[in-house]
Amino acid sequence: MVKQTTTLRAAGALVVFEGAPRVRWSWKSAACWTPVGLWPEPGDRAEVRERLRDGEPVLIVFAEREGGVPVTREELSGAPDAIRRLARMDDAEDLGELLVPPLDWLPQDMRRRGLRFFEQSSAEIARTPRAIRGPMLLEPAPKDQRQLRFARATGPSGCLERDLPALVEHAFAHHRAAVGQHAA
């Protein structure tokens, strides 16, 4: 499984892990972490925009289940207001969750496409027995915006880091062929 990170580079693509990996944490004390922000920072946004504008590949990977990020009241106590507003916590409970807004960092047309893929892949995961589905679902190649693809893990082990180059190569084979034709 890929260690919790928001972005990696693989086979010339920027790979972004959507959901829980976007939460940035910092030490609050010797025994407690606190959520301090969400990826992307302004520089990260600029990098993604530039890559998309320049036609460089970006692969966004969803986990099997997207949901809240578990957080305790103590962890939230030092969090910025923007992060606390994302928290859903019962007054009687010490454990709640941060609701990370999915794909809120993408342009709206790309965000809609990604959310549509997430819904379609949810239906695919629900109707296919675990024993016969592969570890990842890949969005069908779009006619436009080929530099951006979405993928989804189908099980709790997620995406293995060693498999990312092959996933990227497969996801962008059509895009790279089209770019090669234009360069010739």
N, C-alpha and C. Protein backbone atom coordinates (compact mmCIF):
# COMPACT_ATOMS: atom_id res chain seq x y z
N MET A 1 0.85 -1.17 0.00
CA MET A 1 0.00 0.00 0.00
C MET A 1 0.90 1.24 0.00
N VAL A 2 0.44 2.29 -0.65
CA VAL A 2 1.19 3.55 -0.69
C VAL A 2 1.12 4.19 0.69
N LYS A 3 2.28 4.62 1.21
CA LYS A 3 2.27 5.31 2.49
C LYS A 3 1.42 6.56 2.37
N GLN A 4 0.89 7.04 3.48
CA GLN A 4 0.00 8.21 3.39
C GLN A 4 0.79 9.42 2.95
N THR A 5 0.52 9.79 1.73
CA THR A 5 1.10 10.97 1.13
C THR A 5 0.05 11.54 0.19
N THR A 6 0.13 12.78 -0.12
CA THR A 6 -0.87 13.37 -1.01
C THR A 6 -0.48 13.20 -2.47
N THR A 7 0.80 13.41 -2.78
CA THR A 7 1.23 13.32 -4.18
C THR A 7 2.51 12.50 -4.29
N LEU A 8 2.63 11.85 -5.43
CA LEU A 8 3.85 11.14 -5.81
C LEU A 8 4.07 11.39 -7.29
N ARG A 9 5.28 11.19 -7.74
CA ARG A 9 5.58 11.23 -9.17
C ARG A 9 5.83 9.78 -9.60
N ALA A 10 5.22 9.40 -10.72
CA ALA A 10 5.41 8.04 -11.24
C ALA A 10 5.32 8.10 -12.76
N ALA A 11 6.31 7.56 -13.43
CA ALA A 11 6.33 7.46 -14.89
C ALA A 11 5.97 8.78 -15.57
N GLY A 12 6.47 9.87 -15.03
CA GLY A 12 6.25 11.18 -15.63
C GLY A 12 4.93 11.85 -15.29
N ALA A 13 4.12 11.21 -14.45
CA ALA A 13 2.82 11.78 -14.07
C ALA A 13 2.86 12.23 -12.62
N LEU A 14 2.01 13.20 -12.33
CA LEU A 14 1.74 13.58 -10.95
C LEU A 14 0.56 12.73 -10.51
N VAL A 15 0.73 11.98 -9.44
CA VAL A 15 -0.33 11.15 -8.88
C VAL A 15 -0.81 11.82 -7.61
N VAL A 16 -2.11 12.10 -7.53
CA VAL A 16 -2.71 12.76 -6.37
C VAL A 16 -3.65 11.77 -5.70
N PHE A 17 -3.49 11.60 -4.40
CA PHE A 17 -4.37 10.73 -3.61
C PHE A 17 -5.42 11.60 -2.96
N GLU A 18 -6.65 11.42 -3.40
CA GLU A 18 -7.77 12.25 -2.95
C GLU A 18 -8.31 11.72 -1.63
N GLY A 19 -8.87 12.62 -0.82
CA GLY A 19 -9.51 12.23 0.43
C GLY A 19 -8.60 12.44 1.63
N ALA A 20 -8.55 11.44 2.50
CA ALA A 20 -7.81 11.53 3.76
C ALA A 20 -6.35 11.96 3.60
N PRO A 21 -5.63 11.51 2.56
CA PRO A 21 -4.24 11.95 2.44
C PRO A 21 -4.07 13.45 2.23
N ARG A 22 -5.13 14.16 1.91
CA ARG A 22 -5.03 15.61 1.72
C ARG A 22 -4.94 16.38 3.04
N VAL A 23 -5.29 15.74 4.16
CA VAL A 23 -5.24 16.42 5.45
C VAL A 23 -3.78 16.53 5.89
N ARG A 24 -3.35 17.76 6.18
CA ARG A 24 -1.99 18.00 6.69
C ARG A 24 -2.05 18.02 8.21
N TRP A 25 -1.12 17.31 8.84
CA TRP A 25 -1.07 17.19 10.30
C TRP A 25 0.22 17.79 10.81
N SER A 26 0.19 18.26 12.07
CA SER A 26 1.38 18.79 12.72
C SER A 26 1.35 18.36 14.19
N TRP A 27 2.54 18.27 14.78
CA TRP A 27 2.62 17.94 16.20
C TRP A 27 2.00 19.06 17.02
N LYS A 28 1.10 18.69 17.90
CA LYS A 28 0.53 19.66 18.84
C LYS A 28 1.28 19.56 20.17
N SER A 29 1.58 18.34 20.55
CA SER A 29 2.34 18.08 21.77
C SER A 29 3.07 16.77 21.55
N ALA A 30 3.81 16.33 22.56
CA ALA A 30 4.57 15.10 22.43
C ALA A 30 3.68 13.89 22.16
N ALA A 31 2.42 13.96 22.51
CA ALA A 31 1.54 12.81 22.35
C ALA A 31 0.36 13.05 21.41
N CYS A 32 0.28 14.22 20.79
CA CYS A 32 -0.92 14.52 20.02
C CYS A 32 -0.60 15.28 18.73
N TRP A 33 -1.23 14.85 17.66
CA TRP A 33 -1.17 15.54 16.38
C TRP A 33 -2.41 16.41 16.25
N THR A 34 -2.34 17.40 15.39
CA THR A 34 -3.51 18.22 15.11
C THR A 34 -3.58 18.48 13.60
N PRO A 35 -4.78 18.45 13.03
CA PRO A 35 -4.90 18.78 11.60
C PRO A 35 -4.75 20.28 11.42
N VAL A 36 -3.89 20.68 10.48
CA VAL A 36 -3.60 22.11 10.32
C VAL A 36 -3.99 22.67 8.96
N GLY A 37 -4.36 21.80 8.03
CA GLY A 37 -4.74 22.30 6.72
C GLY A 37 -5.05 21.18 5.76
N LEU A 38 -5.38 21.57 4.55
CA LEU A 38 -5.65 20.63 3.47
C LEU A 38 -4.74 20.92 2.29
N TRP A 39 -4.28 19.86 1.66
CA TRP A 39 -3.61 20.01 0.38
C TRP A 39 -4.70 20.38 -0.61
N PRO A 40 -4.47 21.23 -1.56
CA PRO A 40 -3.21 21.82 -1.96
C PRO A 40 -3.00 23.21 -1.38
N GLU A 41 -1.75 23.53 -1.17
CA GLU A 41 -1.34 24.89 -0.86
C GLU A 41 -1.35 25.66 -2.19
N PRO A 42 -1.24 26.99 -2.17
CA PRO A 42 -1.25 27.75 -3.43
C PRO A 42 -0.20 27.28 -4.45
N GLY A 43 1.00 26.95 -4.00
CA GLY A 43 2.03 26.46 -4.92
C GLY A 43 1.66 25.14 -5.56
N ASP A 44 1.00 24.27 -4.78
CA ASP A 44 0.56 22.98 -5.31
C ASP A 44 -0.53 23.19 -6.37
N ARG A 45 -1.46 24.11 -6.07
CA ARG A 45 -2.53 24.42 -7.04
C ARG A 45 -1.92 24.91 -8.36
N ALA A 46 -0.94 25.77 -8.25
CA ALA A 46 -0.29 26.31 -9.45
C ALA A 46 0.38 25.19 -10.24
N GLU A 47 1.04 24.26 -9.55
CA GLU A 47 1.70 23.15 -10.24
C GLU A 47 0.67 22.30 -10.99
N VAL A 48 -0.45 21.99 -10.35
CA VAL A 48 -1.48 21.18 -10.99
C VAL A 48 -2.04 21.92 -12.20
N ARG A 49 -2.37 23.20 -12.03
CA ARG A 49 -2.90 23.99 -13.15
C ARG A 49 -1.93 24.02 -14.32
N GLU A 50 -0.64 24.22 -14.02
CA GLU A 50 0.37 24.27 -15.08
C GLU A 50 0.48 22.93 -15.79
N ARG A 51 0.50 21.84 -15.03
CA ARG A 51 0.59 20.51 -15.64
C ARG A 51 -0.60 20.26 -16.56
N LEU A 52 -1.79 20.60 -16.09
CA LEU A 52 -2.98 20.38 -16.90
C LEU A 52 -2.96 21.28 -18.15
N ARG A 53 -2.56 22.52 -17.96
CA ARG A 53 -2.49 23.45 -19.10
C ARG A 53 -1.48 22.98 -20.14
N ASP A 54 -0.34 22.45 -19.66
CA ASP A 54 0.73 22.02 -20.56
C ASP A 54 0.52 20.61 -21.10
N GLY A 55 -0.58 19.97 -20.72
CA GLY A 55 -0.88 18.63 -21.22
C GLY A 55 -0.09 17.52 -20.54
N GLU A 56 0.49 17.81 -19.38
CA GLU A 56 1.25 16.79 -18.65
C GLU A 56 0.29 15.94 -17.82
N PRO A 57 0.53 14.64 -17.72
CA PRO A 57 -0.43 13.74 -17.08
C PRO A 57 -0.56 13.94 -15.56
N VAL A 58 -1.83 13.89 -15.13
CA VAL A 58 -2.19 13.93 -13.71
C VAL A 58 -3.19 12.79 -13.48
N LEU A 59 -2.87 11.91 -12.55
CA LEU A 59 -3.74 10.80 -12.18
C LEU A 59 -4.23 11.04 -10.76
N ILE A 60 -5.55 11.03 -10.58
CA ILE A 60 -6.13 11.22 -9.25
C ILE A 60 -6.68 9.88 -8.79
N VAL A 61 -6.23 9.43 -7.62
CA VAL A 61 -6.60 8.11 -7.10
C VAL A 61 -7.49 8.28 -5.87
N PHE A 62 -8.68 7.70 -5.96
CA PHE A 62 -9.60 7.64 -4.82
C PHE A 62 -9.36 6.34 -4.08
N ALA A 63 -9.58 6.36 -2.77
CA ALA A 63 -9.55 5.14 -1.98
C ALA A 63 -10.83 4.35 -2.23
N GLU A 64 -10.86 3.11 -1.75
CA GLU A 64 -12.07 2.29 -1.90
C GLU A 64 -13.28 3.01 -1.32
N ARG A 65 -13.09 3.52 -0.13
CA ARG A 65 -14.17 4.25 0.54
C ARG A 65 -13.69 5.65 0.82
N GLU A 66 -14.47 6.59 0.41
CA GLU A 66 -14.18 7.98 0.76
C GLU A 66 -15.14 8.35 1.87
N GLY A 67 -14.64 8.88 2.89
CA GLY A 67 -15.47 9.29 4.00
C GLY A 67 -14.69 10.24 4.86
N GLY A 68 -15.17 10.40 6.05
CA GLY A 68 -14.50 11.31 6.95
C GLY A 68 -13.19 10.75 7.47
N VAL A 69 -12.34 11.65 7.89
CA VAL A 69 -11.06 11.31 8.50
C VAL A 69 -11.28 11.32 10.01
N PRO A 70 -11.06 10.19 10.70
CA PRO A 70 -11.27 10.17 12.15
C PRO A 70 -10.42 11.23 12.85
N VAL A 71 -11.04 11.91 13.82
CA VAL A 71 -10.34 12.96 14.56
C VAL A 71 -10.94 13.02 15.97
N THR A 72 -10.08 13.24 16.95
CA THR A 72 -10.57 13.37 18.32
C THR A 72 -10.77 14.85 18.66
N ARG A 73 -11.51 15.08 19.70
CA ARG A 73 -11.74 16.45 20.16
C ARG A 73 -10.41 17.12 20.53
N GLU A 74 -9.51 16.36 21.15
CA GLU A 74 -8.20 16.91 21.52
C GLU A 74 -7.40 17.31 20.27
N GLU A 75 -7.43 16.47 19.24
CA GLU A 75 -6.71 16.80 18.01
C GLU A 75 -7.27 18.06 17.37
N LEU A 76 -8.58 18.25 17.44
CA LEU A 76 -9.22 19.42 16.85
C LEU A 76 -9.01 20.69 17.65
N SER A 77 -8.69 20.55 18.94
CA SER A 77 -8.62 21.74 19.80
C SER A 77 -7.62 22.78 19.31
N GLY A 78 -6.56 22.37 18.65
CA GLY A 78 -5.58 23.33 18.15
C GLY A 78 -5.68 23.60 16.67
N ALA A 79 -6.71 23.06 16.02
CA ALA A 79 -6.85 23.20 14.58
C ALA A 79 -7.35 24.58 14.20
N PRO A 80 -6.97 25.07 13.03
CA PRO A 80 -7.48 26.35 12.55
C PRO A 80 -9.00 26.27 12.32
N ASP A 81 -9.65 27.42 12.34
CA ASP A 81 -11.11 27.47 12.16
C ASP A 81 -11.55 26.79 10.87
N ALA A 82 -10.81 26.97 9.80
CA ALA A 82 -11.19 26.38 8.52
C ALA A 82 -11.26 24.86 8.62
N ILE A 83 -10.38 24.27 9.39
CA ILE A 83 -10.39 22.81 9.58
C ILE A 83 -11.51 22.42 10.54
N ARG A 84 -11.68 23.17 11.61
CA ARG A 84 -12.76 22.84 12.56
C ARG A 84 -14.13 22.88 11.90
N ARG A 85 -14.28 23.77 10.91
CA ARG A 85 -15.57 23.83 10.20
C ARG A 85 -15.84 22.57 9.39
N LEU A 86 -14.80 21.82 9.05
CA LEU A 86 -14.96 20.57 8.31
C LEU A 86 -15.30 19.39 9.22
N ALA A 87 -15.23 19.62 10.52
CA ALA A 87 -15.43 18.53 11.48
C ALA A 87 -16.90 18.27 11.75
N ARG A 88 -17.22 17.01 11.88
CA ARG A 88 -18.54 16.59 12.32
C ARG A 88 -18.30 15.76 13.58
N MET A 89 -18.81 16.29 14.70
CA MET A 89 -18.56 15.64 15.97
C MET A 89 -19.80 15.77 16.85
N ASP A 90 -20.23 14.66 17.39
CA ASP A 90 -21.36 14.65 18.32
C ASP A 90 -20.89 15.27 19.63
N ASP A 91 -21.71 16.13 20.22
CA ASP A 91 -21.33 16.80 21.47
C ASP A 91 -20.99 15.81 22.58
N ALA A 92 -21.61 14.64 22.57
CA ALA A 92 -21.39 13.66 23.63
C ALA A 92 -20.20 12.75 23.34
N GLU A 93 -19.63 12.84 22.18
CA GLU A 93 -18.54 11.94 21.78
C GLU A 93 -17.21 12.67 21.74
N ASP A 94 -16.14 11.91 21.93
CA ASP A 94 -14.80 12.47 21.81
C ASP A 94 -14.22 12.21 20.42
N LEU A 95 -14.87 11.35 19.65
CA LEU A 95 -14.38 10.99 18.32
C LEU A 95 -15.35 11.49 17.27
N GLY A 96 -14.82 12.15 16.27
CA GLY A 96 -15.63 12.64 15.16
C GLY A 96 -14.89 12.41 13.86
N GLU A 97 -15.23 13.21 12.86
CA GLU A 97 -14.55 13.07 11.59
C GLU A 97 -14.45 14.41 10.87
N LEU A 98 -13.39 14.52 10.08
CA LEU A 98 -13.22 15.67 9.20
C LEU A 98 -13.77 15.26 7.84
N LEU A 99 -14.62 16.08 7.27
CA LEU A 99 -15.19 15.80 5.96
C LEU A 99 -14.39 16.59 4.92
N VAL A 100 -13.54 15.90 4.19
CA VAL A 100 -12.69 16.53 3.18
C VAL A 100 -13.52 16.71 1.92
N PRO A 101 -13.71 17.96 1.48
CA PRO A 101 -14.52 18.19 0.27
C PRO A 101 -13.82 17.58 -0.95
N PRO A 102 -14.45 16.59 -1.59
CA PRO A 102 -13.77 15.89 -2.69
C PRO A 102 -13.52 16.78 -3.91
N LEU A 103 -12.29 16.76 -4.37
CA LEU A 103 -11.87 17.42 -5.60
C LEU A 103 -12.18 18.91 -5.64
N ASP A 104 -12.30 19.54 -4.49
CA ASP A 104 -12.63 20.98 -4.47
C ASP A 104 -11.51 21.85 -5.02
N TRP A 105 -10.39 21.28 -5.33
CA TRP A 105 -9.23 22.00 -5.83
C TRP A 105 -9.13 21.96 -7.36
N LEU A 106 -10.01 21.22 -8.01
CA LEU A 106 -9.99 21.12 -9.47
C LEU A 106 -10.94 22.13 -10.11
N PRO A 107 -10.69 22.49 -11.38
CA PRO A 107 -11.69 23.29 -12.10
C PRO A 107 -13.03 22.53 -12.12
N GLN A 108 -14.14 23.25 -12.15
CA GLN A 108 -15.47 22.65 -12.00
C GLN A 108 -15.76 21.53 -13.00
N ASP A 109 -15.40 21.69 -14.26
CA ASP A 109 -15.71 20.64 -15.24
C ASP A 109 -14.96 19.36 -14.92
N MET A 110 -13.72 19.48 -14.49
CA MET A 110 -12.92 18.31 -14.13
C MET A 110 -13.43 17.70 -12.82
N ARG A 111 -13.83 18.56 -11.91
CA ARG A 111 -14.37 18.09 -10.63
C ARG A 111 -15.65 17.28 -10.87
N ARG A 112 -16.54 17.80 -11.70
CA ARG A 112 -17.79 17.07 -12.00
C ARG A 112 -17.48 15.71 -12.62
N ARG A 113 -16.52 15.68 -13.52
CA ARG A 113 -16.13 14.42 -14.15
C ARG A 113 -15.61 13.43 -13.12
N GLY A 114 -14.77 13.90 -12.21
CA GLY A 114 -14.22 13.04 -11.16
C GLY A 114 -15.30 12.52 -10.22
N LEU A 115 -16.24 13.38 -9.84
CA LEU A 115 -17.32 12.95 -8.95
C LEU A 115 -18.24 11.95 -9.65
N ARG A 116 -18.46 12.15 -10.94
CA ARG A 116 -19.26 11.21 -11.73
C ARG A 116 -18.57 9.84 -11.77
N PHE A 117 -17.24 9.85 -12.00
CA PHE A 117 -16.49 8.60 -11.99
C PHE A 117 -16.58 7.92 -10.62
N PHE A 118 -16.49 8.71 -9.55
CA PHE A 118 -16.57 8.13 -8.21
C PHE A 118 -17.91 7.43 -8.02
N GLU A 119 -18.98 8.07 -8.43
CA GLU A 119 -20.32 7.46 -8.29
C GLU A 119 -20.43 6.20 -9.14
N GLN A 120 -19.96 6.25 -10.37
CA GLN A 120 -20.03 5.07 -11.25
C GLN A 120 -19.17 3.94 -10.71
N SER A 121 -18.01 4.27 -10.18
CA SER A 121 -17.15 3.22 -9.63
C SER A 121 -17.73 2.64 -8.34
N SER A 122 -18.46 3.46 -7.58
CA SER A 122 -19.14 2.95 -6.38
C SER A 122 -20.14 1.88 -6.77
N ALA A 123 -20.90 2.13 -7.85
CA ALA A 123 -21.87 1.15 -8.33
C ALA A 123 -21.16 -0.12 -8.80
N GLU A 124 -20.04 0.03 -9.50
CA GLU A 124 -19.27 -1.11 -9.99
C GLU A 124 -18.73 -1.95 -8.81
N ILE A 125 -18.21 -1.28 -7.81
CA ILE A 125 -17.69 -1.99 -6.63
C ILE A 125 -18.82 -2.73 -5.92
N ALA A 126 -19.98 -2.09 -5.80
CA ALA A 126 -21.12 -2.69 -5.09
C ALA A 126 -21.65 -3.93 -5.81
N ARG A 127 -21.62 -3.95 -7.14
CA ARG A 127 -22.21 -5.08 -7.86
C ARG A 127 -21.22 -6.20 -8.19
N THR A 128 -19.92 -5.97 -7.96
CA THR A 128 -18.92 -6.98 -8.31
C THR A 128 -18.35 -7.61 -7.04
N PRO A 129 -18.47 -8.93 -6.90
CA PRO A 129 -17.91 -9.58 -5.70
C PRO A 129 -16.41 -9.31 -5.59
N ARG A 130 -15.96 -9.08 -4.39
CA ARG A 130 -14.54 -8.76 -4.13
C ARG A 130 -13.61 -9.81 -4.74
N ALA A 131 -14.00 -11.05 -4.70
CA ALA A 131 -13.13 -12.13 -5.17
C ALA A 131 -12.82 -12.04 -6.67
N ILE A 132 -13.64 -11.34 -7.44
CA ILE A 132 -13.41 -11.31 -8.89
C ILE A 132 -13.11 -9.91 -9.44
N ARG A 133 -13.00 -8.93 -8.59
CA ARG A 133 -12.66 -7.61 -9.11
C ARG A 133 -11.17 -7.34 -8.92
N GLY A 134 -10.61 -6.58 -9.82
CA GLY A 134 -9.20 -6.22 -9.74
C GLY A 134 -8.97 -5.20 -8.63
N PRO A 135 -7.72 -4.87 -8.36
CA PRO A 135 -7.42 -3.94 -7.28
C PRO A 135 -7.74 -2.48 -7.58
N MET A 136 -7.86 -2.14 -8.87
CA MET A 136 -8.10 -0.75 -9.24
C MET A 136 -9.14 -0.69 -10.37
N LEU A 137 -9.92 0.39 -10.36
CA LEU A 137 -10.80 0.74 -11.48
C LEU A 137 -10.22 2.00 -12.10
N LEU A 138 -10.22 2.05 -13.41
CA LEU A 138 -9.69 3.21 -14.12
C LEU A 138 -10.80 3.82 -14.95
N GLU A 139 -10.92 5.12 -14.85
CA GLU A 139 -11.91 5.85 -15.65
C GLU A 139 -11.66 5.57 -17.13
N PRO A 140 -12.73 5.34 -17.90
CA PRO A 140 -12.53 5.20 -19.35
C PRO A 140 -11.83 6.45 -19.90
N ALA A 141 -11.01 6.23 -20.92
CA ALA A 141 -10.25 7.35 -21.49
C ALA A 141 -11.21 8.40 -22.04
N PRO A 142 -11.10 9.64 -21.58
CA PRO A 142 -11.97 10.70 -22.08
C PRO A 142 -11.54 11.15 -23.47
N LYS A 143 -12.47 11.76 -24.20
CA LYS A 143 -12.15 12.28 -25.54
C LYS A 143 -11.33 13.55 -25.45
N ASP A 144 -11.60 14.36 -24.42
CA ASP A 144 -10.82 15.57 -24.21
C ASP A 144 -10.23 15.50 -22.80
N GLN A 145 -9.42 16.41 -22.46
CA GLN A 145 -8.76 16.42 -21.14
C GLN A 145 -8.07 15.09 -20.86
N ARG A 146 -7.40 14.54 -21.87
CA ARG A 146 -6.74 13.24 -21.72
C ARG A 146 -5.57 13.27 -20.76
N GLN A 147 -5.10 14.46 -20.42
CA GLN A 147 -3.98 14.57 -19.50
C GLN A 147 -4.43 14.32 -18.05
N LEU A 148 -5.75 14.20 -17.83
CA LEU A 148 -6.29 13.95 -16.49
C LEU A 148 -7.08 12.67 -16.50
N ARG A 149 -6.74 11.76 -15.57
CA ARG A 149 -7.48 10.50 -15.42
C ARG A 149 -7.77 10.29 -13.94
N PHE A 150 -8.80 9.49 -13.69
CA PHE A 150 -9.20 9.13 -12.33
C PHE A 150 -9.11 7.61 -12.18
N ALA A 151 -8.72 7.17 -11.00
CA ALA A 151 -8.67 5.75 -10.67
C ALA A 151 -9.23 5.57 -9.27
N ARG A 152 -9.63 4.34 -8.98
CA ARG A 152 -10.20 4.07 -7.66
C ARG A 152 -9.76 2.70 -7.19
N ALA A 153 -9.26 2.64 -5.97
CA ALA A 153 -8.93 1.35 -5.35
C ALA A 153 -10.23 0.62 -5.08
N THR A 154 -10.22 -0.70 -5.24
CA THR A 154 -11.44 -1.47 -5.02
C THR A 154 -11.41 -2.26 -3.72
N GLY A 155 -10.34 -2.14 -2.98
CA GLY A 155 -10.22 -2.85 -1.71
C GLY A 155 -9.47 -2.02 -0.70
N PRO A 156 -9.45 -2.47 0.54
CA PRO A 156 -8.83 -1.68 1.60
C PRO A 156 -7.32 -1.55 1.49
N SER A 157 -6.66 -2.43 0.74
CA SER A 157 -5.20 -2.31 0.65
C SER A 157 -4.78 -1.19 -0.29
N GLY A 158 -5.72 -0.68 -1.06
CA GLY A 158 -5.43 0.48 -1.90
C GLY A 158 -4.49 0.17 -3.04
N CYS A 159 -3.70 1.14 -3.39
CA CYS A 159 -2.80 1.09 -4.53
C CYS A 159 -1.38 0.85 -4.03
N LEU A 160 -0.73 -0.18 -4.55
CA LEU A 160 0.64 -0.45 -4.15
C LEU A 160 1.59 0.50 -4.89
N GLU A 161 2.51 1.08 -4.16
CA GLU A 161 3.43 2.05 -4.75
C GLU A 161 4.21 1.45 -5.91
N ARG A 162 4.59 0.20 -5.78
CA ARG A 162 5.36 -0.44 -6.86
C ARG A 162 4.54 -0.60 -8.14
N ASP A 163 3.20 -0.55 -8.02
CA ASP A 163 2.32 -0.70 -9.19
C ASP A 163 2.00 0.63 -9.87
N LEU A 164 2.34 1.74 -9.24
CA LEU A 164 1.99 3.05 -9.80
C LEU A 164 2.56 3.29 -11.20
N PRO A 165 3.84 2.98 -11.48
CA PRO A 165 4.33 3.23 -12.84
C PRO A 165 3.53 2.50 -13.91
N ALA A 166 3.17 1.24 -13.66
CA ALA A 166 2.38 0.48 -14.64
C ALA A 166 0.98 1.07 -14.78
N LEU A 167 0.39 1.48 -13.68
CA LEU A 167 -0.94 2.10 -13.72
C LEU A 167 -0.89 3.39 -14.53
N VAL A 168 0.12 4.22 -14.29
CA VAL A 168 0.27 5.48 -15.01
C VAL A 168 0.49 5.21 -16.50
N GLU A 169 1.38 4.28 -16.83
CA GLU A 169 1.66 3.96 -18.24
C GLU A 169 0.38 3.52 -18.94
N HIS A 170 -0.39 2.68 -18.30
CA HIS A 170 -1.65 2.21 -18.88
C HIS A 170 -2.66 3.35 -19.00
N ALA A 171 -2.79 4.15 -17.97
CA ALA A 171 -3.79 5.22 -17.95
C ALA A 171 -3.54 6.26 -19.03
N PHE A 172 -2.27 6.51 -19.34
CA PHE A 172 -1.96 7.60 -20.26
C PHE A 172 -1.40 7.12 -21.60
N ALA A 173 -1.55 5.85 -21.92
CA ALA A 173 -1.04 5.33 -23.20
C ALA A 173 -1.67 6.08 -24.38
N HIS A 174 -2.99 6.29 -24.35
CA HIS A 174 -3.66 7.00 -25.45
C HIS A 174 -3.22 8.47 -25.51
N HIS A 175 -3.09 9.07 -24.34
CA HIS A 175 -2.67 10.48 -24.28
C HIS A 175 -1.27 10.63 -24.86
N ARG A 176 -0.37 9.75 -24.46
CA ARG A 176 1.01 9.86 -24.92
C ARG A 176 1.11 9.58 -26.41
N ALA A 177 0.29 8.66 -26.92
CA ALA A 177 0.28 8.39 -28.35
C ALA A 177 -0.19 9.62 -29.12
N ALA A 178 -1.23 10.28 -28.60
CA ALA A 178 -1.76 11.49 -29.26
C ALA A 178 -0.72 12.62 -29.21
N VAL A 179 -0.04 12.78 -28.10
CA VAL A 179 0.99 13.82 -27.98
C VAL A 179 2.13 13.51 -28.94
N GLY A 180 2.50 12.25 -29.06
CA GLY A 180 3.57 11.84 -29.98
C GLY A 180 3.21 12.13 -31.42
N GLN A 181 1.93 11.93 -31.79
CA GLN A 181 1.49 12.21 -33.16
C GLN A 181 1.56 13.69 -33.46
N HIS A 182 1.21 14.52 -32.46
CA HIS A 182 1.26 15.96 -32.67
C HIS A 182 2.70 16.47 -32.77
N ALA A 183 3.62 15.80 -32.10
CA ALA A 183 5.01 16.24 -32.11
C ALA A 183 5.69 15.87 -33.44
N ALA A 184 5.19 14.81 -34.10
CA ALA A 184 5.82 14.34 -35.34
C ALA A 184 5.52 15.22 -36.52
